[in-house]
């Protein structure tokens, strides 16, 4: 589903953030990425989503999504791929303030020309059923995060990228949201990559990867999640 091929990224100063990362992520797999602050976890998600540009590399594209080399796409094609095939859960929510909750969640469906009925279903799934007419300013931070999660999943994307999706949630809500995320991934055969500092959250995934200055490697996952 997703291939990283010697992916590198440096700051404008030339200082490297990520160096020669290679990994294959499979469809139907829920993977968490952990690591120290500043090691490049959020940068990695932004690169995969095409929101940032990797360092130029000879040969193959360093990022291949569903068989499509990202480096071969112009801005318009990359936007269309991201819109149709990806769902991104941002750490800062990016919920649109001038739209109702239902309109926020329905937006990916509208952009992809899909029926919008599922938007209400997803609001119900994240515990916000009946509040579709509310606006973001009426919500707590945790509630806005739940709207962001519903929006990311509503169009059944093939690749879900989640940047600290439970960072603003209490433990019980976090567990229920991760349960929902896992269930959606398994039902649709999507691949999900979650950046997290939470060991509990990571243990609900199929695989835990540790990102460090020396690269990326798998760690032992005592997956405690029960179906």
N, C-alpha and C. Protein backbone atom coordinates (compact mmCIF):
# COMPACT_ATOMS: atom_id res chain seq x y z
N UNK A 1 0.82 -1.22 0.00
CA UNK A 1 0.00 0.00 0.00
C UNK A 1 0.85 1.26 0.00
N UNK A 2 1.90 1.26 0.86
CA UNK A 2 2.78 2.42 0.95
C UNK A 2 4.22 1.94 1.03
N UNK A 3 5.07 2.49 0.19
CA UNK A 3 6.49 2.15 0.21
C UNK A 3 7.32 3.41 0.44
N UNK A 4 8.22 3.34 1.39
CA UNK A 4 9.24 4.38 1.58
C UNK A 4 10.56 3.82 1.07
N UNK A 5 11.20 4.55 0.17
CA UNK A 5 12.43 4.09 -0.47
C UNK A 5 13.53 5.11 -0.26
N UNK A 6 14.35 4.90 0.74
CA UNK A 6 15.47 5.81 1.03
C UNK A 6 14.99 7.26 1.14
N UNK A 7 13.93 7.45 1.90
CA UNK A 7 13.33 8.76 2.08
C UNK A 7 14.19 9.64 2.99
N UNK A 8 14.50 10.85 2.54
CA UNK A 8 15.29 11.79 3.33
C UNK A 8 14.63 13.17 3.29
N UNK A 9 14.82 13.91 4.37
CA UNK A 9 14.31 15.28 4.45
C UNK A 9 15.25 16.09 5.33
N UNK A 10 15.63 17.27 4.83
CA UNK A 10 16.50 18.18 5.57
C UNK A 10 15.82 19.53 5.74
N UNK A 11 16.17 20.21 6.81
CA UNK A 11 15.72 21.58 7.00
C UNK A 11 16.39 22.49 5.97
N UNK A 12 15.88 23.72 5.85
CA UNK A 12 16.47 24.67 4.92
C UNK A 12 17.94 24.92 5.23
N UNK A 13 18.29 24.78 6.49
CA UNK A 13 19.69 24.98 6.90
C UNK A 13 20.60 23.85 6.44
N UNK A 14 19.99 22.76 5.98
CA UNK A 14 20.77 21.61 5.56
C UNK A 14 20.85 20.51 6.61
N UNK A 15 20.38 20.80 7.82
CA UNK A 15 20.42 19.78 8.88
C UNK A 15 19.37 18.71 8.58
N UNK A 16 19.76 17.44 8.56
CA UNK A 16 18.82 16.37 8.22
C UNK A 16 17.80 16.13 9.32
N UNK A 17 16.56 15.87 8.90
CA UNK A 17 15.50 15.45 9.82
C UNK A 17 15.32 13.95 9.72
N UNK A 18 15.18 13.46 8.49
CA UNK A 18 15.04 12.03 8.21
C UNK A 18 16.10 11.64 7.19
N UNK A 19 16.68 10.47 7.37
CA UNK A 19 17.77 10.05 6.48
C UNK A 19 17.56 8.62 6.01
N UNK A 20 17.35 8.47 4.71
CA UNK A 20 17.33 7.17 4.05
C UNK A 20 16.39 6.16 4.72
N UNK A 21 15.15 6.59 4.97
CA UNK A 21 14.17 5.69 5.57
C UNK A 21 13.57 4.79 4.50
N UNK A 22 13.50 3.50 4.79
CA UNK A 22 12.85 2.55 3.89
C UNK A 22 11.95 1.63 4.71
N UNK A 23 10.70 1.47 4.25
CA UNK A 23 9.76 0.58 4.93
C UNK A 23 8.57 0.33 4.01
N UNK A 24 7.97 -0.86 4.13
CA UNK A 24 6.76 -1.19 3.39
C UNK A 24 5.60 -1.32 4.37
N UNK A 25 4.51 -0.61 4.11
CA UNK A 25 3.30 -0.67 4.93
C UNK A 25 2.24 -1.38 4.11
N UNK A 26 1.58 -2.36 4.71
CA UNK A 26 0.64 -3.21 3.99
C UNK A 26 -0.81 -2.77 4.19
N UNK A 27 -1.64 -3.07 3.21
CA UNK A 27 -3.08 -2.84 3.33
C UNK A 27 -3.63 -3.66 4.49
N UNK A 28 -4.58 -3.08 5.22
CA UNK A 28 -5.19 -3.76 6.35
C UNK A 28 -4.37 -3.73 7.62
N UNK A 29 -3.25 -2.99 7.61
CA UNK A 29 -2.34 -2.96 8.74
C UNK A 29 -2.47 -1.64 9.51
N UNK A 30 -2.56 -1.74 10.82
CA UNK A 30 -2.64 -0.58 11.70
C UNK A 30 -1.29 -0.48 12.42
N UNK A 31 -0.52 0.56 12.08
CA UNK A 31 0.86 0.70 12.56
C UNK A 31 0.99 1.97 13.37
N UNK A 32 1.69 1.89 14.49
CA UNK A 32 2.00 3.10 15.26
C UNK A 32 3.48 3.41 15.13
N UNK A 33 3.79 4.69 15.14
CA UNK A 33 5.17 5.16 15.10
C UNK A 33 5.44 5.98 16.35
N UNK A 34 6.46 5.57 17.10
CA UNK A 34 6.84 6.25 18.32
C UNK A 34 8.26 6.79 18.16
N UNK A 35 8.66 7.64 19.07
CA UNK A 35 10.01 8.21 19.02
C UNK A 35 10.06 9.50 19.79
N UNK A 36 11.27 9.96 20.07
CA UNK A 36 11.46 11.18 20.84
C UNK A 36 10.89 12.39 20.10
N UNK A 37 10.54 13.43 20.85
CA UNK A 37 10.09 14.68 20.24
C UNK A 37 11.20 15.24 19.35
N UNK A 38 10.80 15.75 18.19
CA UNK A 38 11.77 16.35 17.28
C UNK A 38 12.48 15.38 16.37
N UNK A 39 12.14 14.09 16.45
CA UNK A 39 12.85 13.12 15.63
C UNK A 39 12.31 13.06 14.21
N UNK A 40 11.13 13.68 13.97
CA UNK A 40 10.62 13.76 12.60
C UNK A 40 9.36 12.96 12.34
N UNK A 41 8.62 12.60 13.39
CA UNK A 41 7.42 11.77 13.20
C UNK A 41 6.34 12.51 12.41
N UNK A 42 6.03 13.74 12.82
CA UNK A 42 5.01 14.52 12.09
C UNK A 42 5.50 14.88 10.70
N UNK A 43 6.78 15.17 10.57
CA UNK A 43 7.36 15.45 9.25
C UNK A 43 7.16 14.26 8.32
N UNK A 44 7.34 13.06 8.85
CA UNK A 44 7.16 11.85 8.04
C UNK A 44 5.74 11.76 7.52
N UNK A 45 4.74 12.01 8.38
CA UNK A 45 3.36 11.97 7.92
C UNK A 45 3.08 13.02 6.86
N UNK A 46 3.61 14.22 7.04
CA UNK A 46 3.41 15.29 6.06
C UNK A 46 4.03 14.94 4.71
N UNK A 47 5.17 14.27 4.73
CA UNK A 47 5.82 13.85 3.49
C UNK A 47 4.98 12.80 2.77
N UNK A 48 4.49 11.82 3.53
CA UNK A 48 3.68 10.76 2.93
C UNK A 48 2.42 11.35 2.29
N UNK A 49 1.82 12.33 2.97
CA UNK A 49 0.59 12.94 2.46
C UNK A 49 0.83 13.92 1.32
N UNK A 50 2.07 14.22 1.03
CA UNK A 50 2.36 15.19 -0.01
C UNK A 50 2.20 16.62 0.42
N UNK A 51 2.12 16.85 1.74
CA UNK A 51 2.02 18.21 2.27
C UNK A 51 3.39 18.85 2.43
N UNK A 52 4.42 18.05 2.32
CA UNK A 52 5.80 18.52 2.34
C UNK A 52 6.56 17.73 1.29
N UNK A 53 7.72 18.23 0.89
CA UNK A 53 8.47 17.62 -0.21
C UNK A 53 9.76 17.00 0.30
N UNK A 54 10.03 15.74 -0.04
CA UNK A 54 11.29 15.12 0.39
C UNK A 54 12.47 15.68 -0.37
N UNK A 55 13.65 15.42 0.15
CA UNK A 55 14.86 15.80 -0.57
C UNK A 55 14.90 15.06 -1.89
N UNK A 56 15.44 15.71 -2.91
CA UNK A 56 15.58 15.08 -4.21
C UNK A 56 16.48 13.86 -4.09
N UNK A 57 16.09 12.79 -4.77
CA UNK A 57 16.88 11.55 -4.71
C UNK A 57 16.97 10.97 -6.11
N UNK A 58 18.12 10.38 -6.45
CA UNK A 58 18.25 9.75 -7.76
C UNK A 58 17.42 8.47 -7.82
N UNK A 59 16.98 8.10 -9.03
CA UNK A 59 16.29 6.83 -9.19
C UNK A 59 14.83 6.91 -8.82
N UNK A 60 14.36 5.88 -8.12
CA UNK A 60 12.94 5.74 -7.81
C UNK A 60 12.43 6.83 -6.90
N UNK A 61 11.11 7.06 -6.96
CA UNK A 61 10.45 7.98 -6.05
C UNK A 61 10.60 7.45 -4.63
N UNK A 62 10.92 8.32 -3.66
CA UNK A 62 11.07 7.84 -2.28
C UNK A 62 9.75 7.48 -1.60
N UNK A 63 8.62 7.91 -2.18
CA UNK A 63 7.31 7.60 -1.60
C UNK A 63 6.40 7.08 -2.72
N UNK A 64 5.86 5.87 -2.52
CA UNK A 64 4.95 5.26 -3.48
C UNK A 64 3.67 4.89 -2.75
N UNK A 65 2.55 5.47 -3.15
CA UNK A 65 1.26 5.24 -2.52
C UNK A 65 0.38 4.44 -3.46
N UNK A 66 0.01 3.23 -3.04
CA UNK A 66 -0.89 2.39 -3.83
C UNK A 66 -0.36 2.22 -5.26
N UNK A 67 0.96 2.05 -5.36
CA UNK A 67 1.59 1.84 -6.66
C UNK A 67 1.88 3.09 -7.44
N UNK A 68 1.53 4.26 -6.90
CA UNK A 68 1.73 5.54 -7.60
C UNK A 68 2.91 6.29 -7.00
N UNK A 69 3.98 6.55 -7.78
CA UNK A 69 5.11 7.34 -7.26
C UNK A 69 4.69 8.80 -7.05
N UNK A 70 4.81 9.27 -5.83
CA UNK A 70 4.36 10.63 -5.52
C UNK A 70 5.20 11.68 -6.23
N UNK A 71 6.46 11.41 -6.46
CA UNK A 71 7.33 12.41 -7.09
C UNK A 71 6.97 12.64 -8.54
N UNK A 72 6.21 11.74 -9.15
CA UNK A 72 5.82 11.91 -10.54
C UNK A 72 4.52 12.67 -10.72
N UNK A 73 3.92 13.14 -9.63
CA UNK A 73 2.64 13.83 -9.70
C UNK A 73 2.81 15.34 -9.62
N UNK A 74 2.05 16.06 -10.44
CA UNK A 74 2.02 17.51 -10.27
C UNK A 74 1.08 17.84 -9.11
N UNK A 75 0.97 19.11 -8.77
CA UNK A 75 0.18 19.51 -7.59
C UNK A 75 -1.27 19.07 -7.71
N UNK A 76 -1.84 19.21 -8.90
CA UNK A 76 -3.25 18.86 -9.09
C UNK A 76 -3.47 17.36 -8.92
N UNK A 77 -2.59 16.56 -9.50
CA UNK A 77 -2.73 15.10 -9.40
C UNK A 77 -2.49 14.63 -7.96
N UNK A 78 -1.54 15.24 -7.28
CA UNK A 78 -1.28 14.88 -5.89
C UNK A 78 -2.48 15.22 -5.00
N UNK A 79 -3.11 16.37 -5.27
CA UNK A 79 -4.29 16.76 -4.51
C UNK A 79 -5.42 15.77 -4.73
N UNK A 80 -5.63 15.34 -5.96
CA UNK A 80 -6.70 14.39 -6.27
C UNK A 80 -6.44 13.04 -5.60
N UNK A 81 -5.19 12.59 -5.61
CA UNK A 81 -4.86 11.33 -4.95
C UNK A 81 -5.09 11.43 -3.45
N UNK A 82 -4.63 12.52 -2.86
CA UNK A 82 -4.79 12.72 -1.41
C UNK A 82 -6.27 12.78 -1.04
N UNK A 83 -7.06 13.48 -1.85
CA UNK A 83 -8.49 13.65 -1.57
C UNK A 83 -9.24 12.32 -1.63
N UNK A 84 -8.91 11.48 -2.63
CA UNK A 84 -9.66 10.25 -2.85
C UNK A 84 -9.15 9.08 -2.01
N UNK A 85 -7.84 9.02 -1.77
CA UNK A 85 -7.26 7.80 -1.21
C UNK A 85 -6.76 7.94 0.22
N UNK A 86 -6.69 9.18 0.75
CA UNK A 86 -6.11 9.38 2.07
C UNK A 86 -7.09 10.05 3.03
N UNK A 87 -6.90 9.77 4.30
CA UNK A 87 -7.58 10.47 5.37
C UNK A 87 -6.54 10.92 6.37
N UNK A 88 -6.51 12.19 6.73
CA UNK A 88 -5.48 12.73 7.60
C UNK A 88 -6.13 13.28 8.87
N UNK A 89 -5.68 12.77 10.02
CA UNK A 89 -6.13 13.27 11.31
C UNK A 89 -5.03 14.17 11.85
N UNK A 90 -5.26 15.48 11.80
CA UNK A 90 -4.23 16.44 12.18
C UNK A 90 -4.20 16.64 13.70
N UNK A 91 -3.02 16.88 14.22
CA UNK A 91 -2.86 17.15 15.64
C UNK A 91 -3.60 18.44 16.03
N UNK A 92 -3.67 19.40 15.09
CA UNK A 92 -4.32 20.68 15.36
C UNK A 92 -5.76 20.72 14.82
N UNK A 93 -6.33 19.56 14.57
CA UNK A 93 -7.73 19.38 14.15
C UNK A 93 -8.00 19.85 12.72
N UNK A 94 -7.78 21.15 12.44
CA UNK A 94 -8.14 21.76 11.14
C UNK A 94 -9.61 21.56 10.82
N UNK A 95 -10.47 21.64 11.84
CA UNK A 95 -11.91 21.64 11.63
C UNK A 95 -12.30 23.04 11.16
N UNK A 96 -13.09 23.14 10.10
CA UNK A 96 -13.42 24.43 9.50
C UNK A 96 -14.46 25.15 10.34
N UNK A 97 -14.16 26.34 10.87
CA UNK A 97 -15.04 27.00 11.85
C UNK A 97 -16.37 27.48 11.29
N UNK A 98 -16.43 27.76 9.99
CA UNK A 98 -17.65 28.30 9.40
C UNK A 98 -18.62 27.22 8.94
N UNK A 99 -18.24 25.94 9.09
CA UNK A 99 -19.12 24.83 8.73
C UNK A 99 -19.64 24.14 9.98
N UNK A 100 -20.85 23.59 9.89
CA UNK A 100 -21.37 22.79 11.00
C UNK A 100 -20.57 21.49 11.10
N UNK A 101 -20.79 20.76 12.19
CA UNK A 101 -20.09 19.49 12.36
C UNK A 101 -20.44 18.53 11.22
N UNK A 102 -21.71 18.46 10.86
CA UNK A 102 -22.12 17.57 9.78
C UNK A 102 -21.48 17.98 8.47
N UNK A 103 -21.41 19.28 8.20
CA UNK A 103 -20.79 19.76 6.96
C UNK A 103 -19.29 19.47 6.95
N UNK A 104 -18.64 19.62 8.09
CA UNK A 104 -17.22 19.29 8.18
C UNK A 104 -16.96 17.83 7.83
N UNK A 105 -17.75 16.95 8.43
CA UNK A 105 -17.54 15.52 8.22
C UNK A 105 -17.91 15.11 6.79
N UNK A 106 -18.92 15.77 6.22
CA UNK A 106 -19.37 15.43 4.87
C UNK A 106 -18.44 15.94 3.78
N UNK A 107 -17.53 16.84 4.12
CA UNK A 107 -16.72 17.50 3.10
C UNK A 107 -15.95 16.51 2.21
N UNK A 108 -15.27 15.49 2.74
CA UNK A 108 -14.58 14.55 1.84
C UNK A 108 -15.53 13.82 0.90
N UNK A 109 -16.74 13.56 1.35
CA UNK A 109 -17.72 12.91 0.48
C UNK A 109 -18.12 13.82 -0.67
N UNK A 110 -18.37 15.09 -0.35
CA UNK A 110 -18.74 16.05 -1.38
C UNK A 110 -17.61 16.24 -2.39
N UNK A 111 -16.39 16.35 -1.90
CA UNK A 111 -15.24 16.56 -2.79
C UNK A 111 -14.99 15.37 -3.71
N UNK A 112 -15.42 14.18 -3.27
CA UNK A 112 -15.22 12.98 -4.08
C UNK A 112 -16.48 12.56 -4.82
N UNK A 113 -17.53 13.41 -4.77
CA UNK A 113 -18.75 13.11 -5.48
C UNK A 113 -19.50 11.90 -4.94
N UNK A 114 -19.44 11.69 -3.63
CA UNK A 114 -20.07 10.53 -3.00
C UNK A 114 -21.31 10.96 -2.21
N UNK A 115 -22.27 10.04 -1.99
CA UNK A 115 -23.44 10.36 -1.17
C UNK A 115 -23.00 10.77 0.25
N UNK A 116 -23.75 11.67 0.86
CA UNK A 116 -23.31 12.24 2.13
C UNK A 116 -23.96 11.60 3.37
N UNK A 117 -24.78 10.56 3.18
CA UNK A 117 -25.49 9.96 4.32
C UNK A 117 -24.54 9.45 5.40
N UNK A 118 -23.38 8.99 4.99
CA UNK A 118 -22.44 8.38 5.94
C UNK A 118 -21.89 9.40 6.95
N UNK A 119 -21.98 10.69 6.64
CA UNK A 119 -21.46 11.70 7.56
C UNK A 119 -22.17 11.63 8.90
N UNK A 120 -23.48 11.51 8.89
CA UNK A 120 -24.24 11.41 10.14
C UNK A 120 -23.90 10.13 10.88
N UNK A 121 -23.67 9.05 10.15
CA UNK A 121 -23.30 7.78 10.77
C UNK A 121 -21.96 7.90 11.50
N UNK A 122 -21.01 8.61 10.89
CA UNK A 122 -19.70 8.75 11.50
C UNK A 122 -19.74 9.66 12.72
N UNK A 123 -20.57 10.70 12.68
CA UNK A 123 -20.73 11.53 13.87
C UNK A 123 -21.30 10.71 15.02
N UNK A 124 -22.25 9.86 14.72
CA UNK A 124 -22.81 8.96 15.73
C UNK A 124 -21.73 8.02 16.26
N UNK A 125 -20.88 7.51 15.37
CA UNK A 125 -19.84 6.55 15.76
C UNK A 125 -18.80 7.15 16.71
N UNK A 126 -18.56 8.47 16.58
CA UNK A 126 -17.58 9.11 17.47
C UNK A 126 -18.24 9.79 18.66
N UNK A 127 -19.52 9.49 18.88
CA UNK A 127 -20.20 9.98 20.07
C UNK A 127 -20.77 11.37 19.97
N UNK A 128 -20.97 11.86 18.74
CA UNK A 128 -21.50 13.20 18.53
C UNK A 128 -22.80 13.18 17.73
N UNK A 129 -23.51 12.08 17.80
CA UNK A 129 -24.79 11.98 17.12
C UNK A 129 -25.76 13.01 17.66
N UNK A 130 -26.53 13.62 16.76
CA UNK A 130 -27.49 14.63 17.16
C UNK A 130 -26.91 16.02 17.28
N UNK A 131 -25.60 16.16 17.04
CA UNK A 131 -24.97 17.48 17.15
C UNK A 131 -24.47 17.99 15.80
N UNK A 132 -24.99 17.40 14.74
CA UNK A 132 -24.53 17.77 13.40
C UNK A 132 -24.73 19.23 13.06
N UNK A 133 -25.71 19.90 13.69
CA UNK A 133 -25.96 21.30 13.41
C UNK A 133 -25.13 22.26 14.23
N UNK A 134 -24.36 21.75 15.19
CA UNK A 134 -23.50 22.60 15.99
C UNK A 134 -22.29 23.08 15.18
N UNK A 135 -21.63 24.13 15.69
CA UNK A 135 -20.43 24.65 15.06
C UNK A 135 -19.20 24.35 15.94
N UNK A 136 -18.02 24.33 15.36
CA UNK A 136 -16.82 23.98 16.12
C UNK A 136 -16.60 24.82 17.38
N UNK A 137 -17.01 26.10 17.38
CA UNK A 137 -16.76 26.94 18.57
C UNK A 137 -17.56 26.46 19.78
N UNK A 138 -18.51 25.57 19.54
CA UNK A 138 -19.32 25.04 20.64
C UNK A 138 -18.72 23.77 21.24
N UNK A 139 -17.58 23.35 20.74
CA UNK A 139 -16.99 22.07 21.14
C UNK A 139 -15.76 22.25 22.02
N UNK A 140 -15.48 21.23 22.81
CA UNK A 140 -14.21 21.15 23.53
C UNK A 140 -13.13 20.65 22.57
N UNK A 141 -11.89 20.72 22.99
CA UNK A 141 -10.80 20.23 22.15
C UNK A 141 -10.96 18.76 21.83
N UNK A 142 -11.36 17.96 22.82
CA UNK A 142 -11.56 16.54 22.58
C UNK A 142 -12.67 16.27 21.59
N UNK A 143 -13.73 17.06 21.66
CA UNK A 143 -14.85 16.88 20.73
C UNK A 143 -14.43 17.27 19.31
N UNK A 144 -13.63 18.32 19.17
CA UNK A 144 -13.14 18.70 17.84
C UNK A 144 -12.25 17.60 17.26
N UNK A 145 -11.47 16.95 18.12
CA UNK A 145 -10.64 15.86 17.63
C UNK A 145 -11.49 14.71 17.12
N UNK A 146 -12.62 14.47 17.78
CA UNK A 146 -13.51 13.40 17.33
C UNK A 146 -14.13 13.74 15.97
N UNK A 147 -14.45 15.02 15.77
CA UNK A 147 -14.96 15.45 14.46
C UNK A 147 -13.90 15.22 13.39
N UNK A 148 -12.66 15.56 13.71
CA UNK A 148 -11.56 15.38 12.76
C UNK A 148 -11.38 13.91 12.40
N UNK A 149 -11.55 13.04 13.38
CA UNK A 149 -11.41 11.60 13.14
C UNK A 149 -12.55 11.10 12.26
N UNK A 150 -13.78 11.55 12.55
CA UNK A 150 -14.92 11.16 11.71
C UNK A 150 -14.72 11.62 10.27
N UNK A 151 -14.23 12.82 10.10
CA UNK A 151 -13.99 13.37 8.75
C UNK A 151 -12.93 12.56 8.00
N UNK A 152 -11.90 12.13 8.71
CA UNK A 152 -10.81 11.39 8.07
C UNK A 152 -11.25 10.01 7.60
N UNK A 153 -12.24 9.43 8.28
CA UNK A 153 -12.66 8.07 7.97
C UNK A 153 -13.88 7.98 7.06
N UNK A 154 -14.61 9.09 6.91
CA UNK A 154 -15.95 9.02 6.32
C UNK A 154 -15.96 8.50 4.89
N UNK A 155 -14.94 8.78 4.09
CA UNK A 155 -14.93 8.37 2.69
C UNK A 155 -14.20 7.04 2.46
N UNK A 156 -13.94 6.33 3.56
CA UNK A 156 -13.27 5.02 3.52
C UNK A 156 -11.96 5.09 2.74
N UNK A 157 -11.01 5.90 3.21
CA UNK A 157 -9.74 6.05 2.49
C UNK A 157 -8.90 4.77 2.56
N UNK A 158 -8.02 4.61 1.59
CA UNK A 158 -7.13 3.45 1.57
C UNK A 158 -5.95 3.64 2.52
N UNK A 159 -5.61 4.89 2.83
CA UNK A 159 -4.49 5.20 3.70
C UNK A 159 -4.91 6.25 4.71
N UNK A 160 -4.81 5.93 6.00
CA UNK A 160 -5.17 6.86 7.06
C UNK A 160 -3.89 7.27 7.78
N UNK A 161 -3.67 8.58 7.89
CA UNK A 161 -2.50 9.12 8.58
C UNK A 161 -2.99 9.90 9.80
N UNK A 162 -2.54 9.50 10.97
CA UNK A 162 -3.05 10.08 12.21
C UNK A 162 -1.91 10.62 13.06
N UNK A 163 -1.93 11.92 13.31
CA UNK A 163 -0.89 12.57 14.10
C UNK A 163 -1.41 12.82 15.51
N UNK A 164 -1.02 11.97 16.46
CA UNK A 164 -1.46 12.07 17.86
C UNK A 164 -2.99 12.18 17.95
N UNK A 165 -3.74 11.21 17.40
CA UNK A 165 -5.20 11.36 17.33
C UNK A 165 -5.90 11.31 18.67
N UNK A 166 -5.24 10.83 19.71
CA UNK A 166 -5.88 10.75 21.03
C UNK A 166 -5.27 11.73 22.03
N UNK A 167 -4.46 12.65 21.54
CA UNK A 167 -3.75 13.56 22.43
C UNK A 167 -4.65 14.46 23.24
N UNK A 168 -5.87 14.74 22.76
CA UNK A 168 -6.80 15.63 23.46
C UNK A 168 -7.99 14.89 24.05
N UNK A 169 -7.88 13.58 24.16
CA UNK A 169 -9.00 12.78 24.62
C UNK A 169 -8.71 12.14 25.98
N UNK A 170 -9.75 11.98 26.79
CA UNK A 170 -9.58 11.26 28.05
C UNK A 170 -9.38 9.78 27.73
N UNK A 171 -8.85 8.99 28.68
CA UNK A 171 -8.50 7.59 28.39
C UNK A 171 -9.65 6.74 27.84
N UNK A 172 -10.85 6.89 28.41
CA UNK A 172 -11.97 6.08 27.94
C UNK A 172 -12.37 6.44 26.51
N UNK A 173 -12.43 7.75 26.22
CA UNK A 173 -12.78 8.19 24.87
C UNK A 173 -11.68 7.79 23.89
N UNK A 174 -10.43 7.91 24.31
CA UNK A 174 -9.31 7.52 23.46
C UNK A 174 -9.41 6.05 23.07
N UNK A 175 -9.73 5.22 24.05
CA UNK A 175 -9.85 3.78 23.78
C UNK A 175 -10.98 3.51 22.79
N UNK A 176 -12.12 4.17 22.97
CA UNK A 176 -13.25 3.94 22.06
C UNK A 176 -12.94 4.44 20.66
N UNK A 177 -12.23 5.57 20.55
CA UNK A 177 -11.88 6.11 19.23
C UNK A 177 -10.89 5.19 18.52
N UNK A 178 -9.92 4.67 19.24
CA UNK A 178 -8.95 3.76 18.64
C UNK A 178 -9.62 2.44 18.24
N UNK A 179 -10.59 2.02 19.02
CA UNK A 179 -11.37 0.84 18.66
C UNK A 179 -12.11 1.07 17.35
N UNK A 180 -12.72 2.25 17.22
CA UNK A 180 -13.41 2.61 15.98
C UNK A 180 -12.43 2.66 14.82
N UNK A 181 -11.29 3.30 15.03
CA UNK A 181 -10.29 3.42 13.97
C UNK A 181 -9.83 2.05 13.51
N UNK A 182 -9.56 1.18 14.46
CA UNK A 182 -9.12 -0.17 14.11
C UNK A 182 -10.22 -0.93 13.36
N UNK A 183 -11.47 -0.81 13.82
CA UNK A 183 -12.57 -1.51 13.18
C UNK A 183 -12.75 -1.05 11.74
N UNK A 184 -12.65 0.27 11.50
CA UNK A 184 -12.80 0.80 10.14
C UNK A 184 -11.68 0.30 9.23
N UNK A 185 -10.48 0.26 9.77
CA UNK A 185 -9.33 -0.20 8.98
C UNK A 185 -9.52 -1.65 8.56
N UNK A 186 -9.90 -2.48 9.50
CA UNK A 186 -10.07 -3.89 9.20
C UNK A 186 -11.24 -4.13 8.25
N UNK A 187 -12.31 -3.32 8.39
CA UNK A 187 -13.49 -3.49 7.55
C UNK A 187 -13.22 -3.11 6.10
N UNK A 188 -12.39 -2.09 5.90
CA UNK A 188 -12.15 -1.57 4.54
C UNK A 188 -10.84 -2.05 3.93
N UNK A 189 -9.98 -2.68 4.75
CA UNK A 189 -8.68 -3.11 4.24
C UNK A 189 -7.70 -1.97 4.05
N UNK A 190 -7.96 -0.87 4.76
CA UNK A 190 -7.07 0.29 4.66
C UNK A 190 -5.79 0.05 5.44
N UNK A 191 -4.82 0.89 5.18
CA UNK A 191 -3.60 0.95 5.96
C UNK A 191 -3.66 2.22 6.81
N UNK A 192 -3.31 2.10 8.09
CA UNK A 192 -3.30 3.28 8.96
C UNK A 192 -1.95 3.41 9.65
N UNK A 193 -1.45 4.63 9.67
CA UNK A 193 -0.18 4.93 10.34
C UNK A 193 -0.46 6.02 11.36
N UNK A 194 -0.18 5.71 12.62
CA UNK A 194 -0.49 6.63 13.72
C UNK A 194 0.78 7.01 14.46
N UNK A 195 1.06 8.30 14.50
CA UNK A 195 2.13 8.83 15.34
C UNK A 195 1.56 9.04 16.74
N UNK A 196 2.24 8.54 17.75
CA UNK A 196 1.73 8.68 19.11
C UNK A 196 2.87 8.64 20.13
N UNK A 197 2.64 9.32 21.26
CA UNK A 197 3.54 9.21 22.40
C UNK A 197 2.97 8.24 23.44
N UNK A 198 1.74 7.77 23.21
CA UNK A 198 1.05 6.95 24.19
C UNK A 198 1.34 5.47 23.97
N UNK A 199 1.93 4.85 24.96
CA UNK A 199 2.19 3.41 24.87
C UNK A 199 0.89 2.64 24.80
N UNK A 200 -0.12 3.09 25.56
CA UNK A 200 -1.42 2.41 25.53
C UNK A 200 -2.01 2.46 24.12
N UNK A 201 -1.96 3.63 23.49
CA UNK A 201 -2.48 3.74 22.12
C UNK A 201 -1.70 2.84 21.18
N UNK A 202 -0.38 2.83 21.31
CA UNK A 202 0.46 2.02 20.43
C UNK A 202 0.14 0.54 20.57
N UNK A 203 -0.18 0.11 21.77
CA UNK A 203 -0.44 -1.31 22.01
C UNK A 203 -1.77 -1.77 21.40
N UNK A 204 -2.58 -0.85 20.91
CA UNK A 204 -3.82 -1.21 20.22
C UNK A 204 -3.61 -1.37 18.71
N UNK A 205 -2.37 -1.20 18.26
CA UNK A 205 -2.07 -1.35 16.85
C UNK A 205 -1.44 -2.71 16.58
N UNK A 206 -1.33 -3.06 15.30
CA UNK A 206 -0.76 -4.35 14.91
C UNK A 206 0.75 -4.37 15.05
N UNK A 207 1.35 -3.21 14.90
CA UNK A 207 2.81 -3.15 14.85
C UNK A 207 3.27 -1.80 15.38
N UNK A 208 4.36 -1.80 16.16
CA UNK A 208 4.93 -0.56 16.68
C UNK A 208 6.30 -0.37 16.04
N UNK A 209 6.47 0.80 15.40
CA UNK A 209 7.76 1.16 14.83
C UNK A 209 8.38 2.27 15.67
N UNK A 210 9.68 2.19 15.85
CA UNK A 210 10.42 3.21 16.59
C UNK A 210 11.25 4.02 15.61
N UNK A 211 10.98 5.34 15.57
CA UNK A 211 11.73 6.23 14.70
C UNK A 211 12.81 6.93 15.51
N UNK A 212 14.02 6.90 15.01
CA UNK A 212 15.15 7.54 15.70
C UNK A 212 16.07 8.16 14.66
N UNK A 213 17.11 8.79 15.13
CA UNK A 213 18.07 9.42 14.21
C UNK A 213 18.79 8.39 13.35
N UNK A 214 18.79 7.14 13.78
CA UNK A 214 19.48 6.10 13.02
C UNK A 214 18.56 5.36 12.06
N UNK A 215 17.26 5.68 12.08
CA UNK A 215 16.35 5.04 11.14
C UNK A 215 15.06 4.60 11.79
N UNK A 216 14.45 3.57 11.24
CA UNK A 216 13.16 3.08 11.70
C UNK A 216 13.27 1.57 11.89
N UNK A 217 12.74 1.10 13.01
CA UNK A 217 12.78 -0.34 13.25
C UNK A 217 11.55 -0.77 14.05
N UNK A 218 11.20 -2.04 13.90
CA UNK A 218 10.04 -2.58 14.61
C UNK A 218 10.43 -2.95 16.03
N UNK A 219 9.53 -2.69 16.97
CA UNK A 219 9.72 -3.09 18.36
C UNK A 219 8.68 -4.14 18.71
N UNK A 220 8.91 -4.83 19.79
CA UNK A 220 7.97 -5.85 20.22
C UNK A 220 6.65 -5.20 20.61
N UNK A 221 5.57 -5.75 20.08
CA UNK A 221 4.23 -5.21 20.39
C UNK A 221 3.43 -6.28 21.11
N UNK A 222 3.16 -6.03 22.39
CA UNK A 222 2.32 -6.95 23.15
C UNK A 222 0.87 -6.50 22.99
N UNK A 223 0.37 -6.58 21.78
CA UNK A 223 -0.94 -6.04 21.43
C UNK A 223 -2.01 -6.48 22.43
N UNK A 224 -2.50 -5.52 23.21
CA UNK A 224 -3.47 -5.85 24.25
C UNK A 224 -4.91 -5.67 23.78
N UNK A 225 -5.09 -5.26 22.53
CA UNK A 225 -6.44 -5.01 22.03
C UNK A 225 -7.19 -6.32 21.85
N UNK A 226 -8.43 -6.32 22.27
CA UNK A 226 -9.28 -7.50 22.11
C UNK A 226 -10.41 -7.15 21.15
N UNK A 227 -10.64 -8.04 20.17
CA UNK A 227 -11.72 -7.82 19.21
C UNK A 227 -13.07 -7.81 19.93
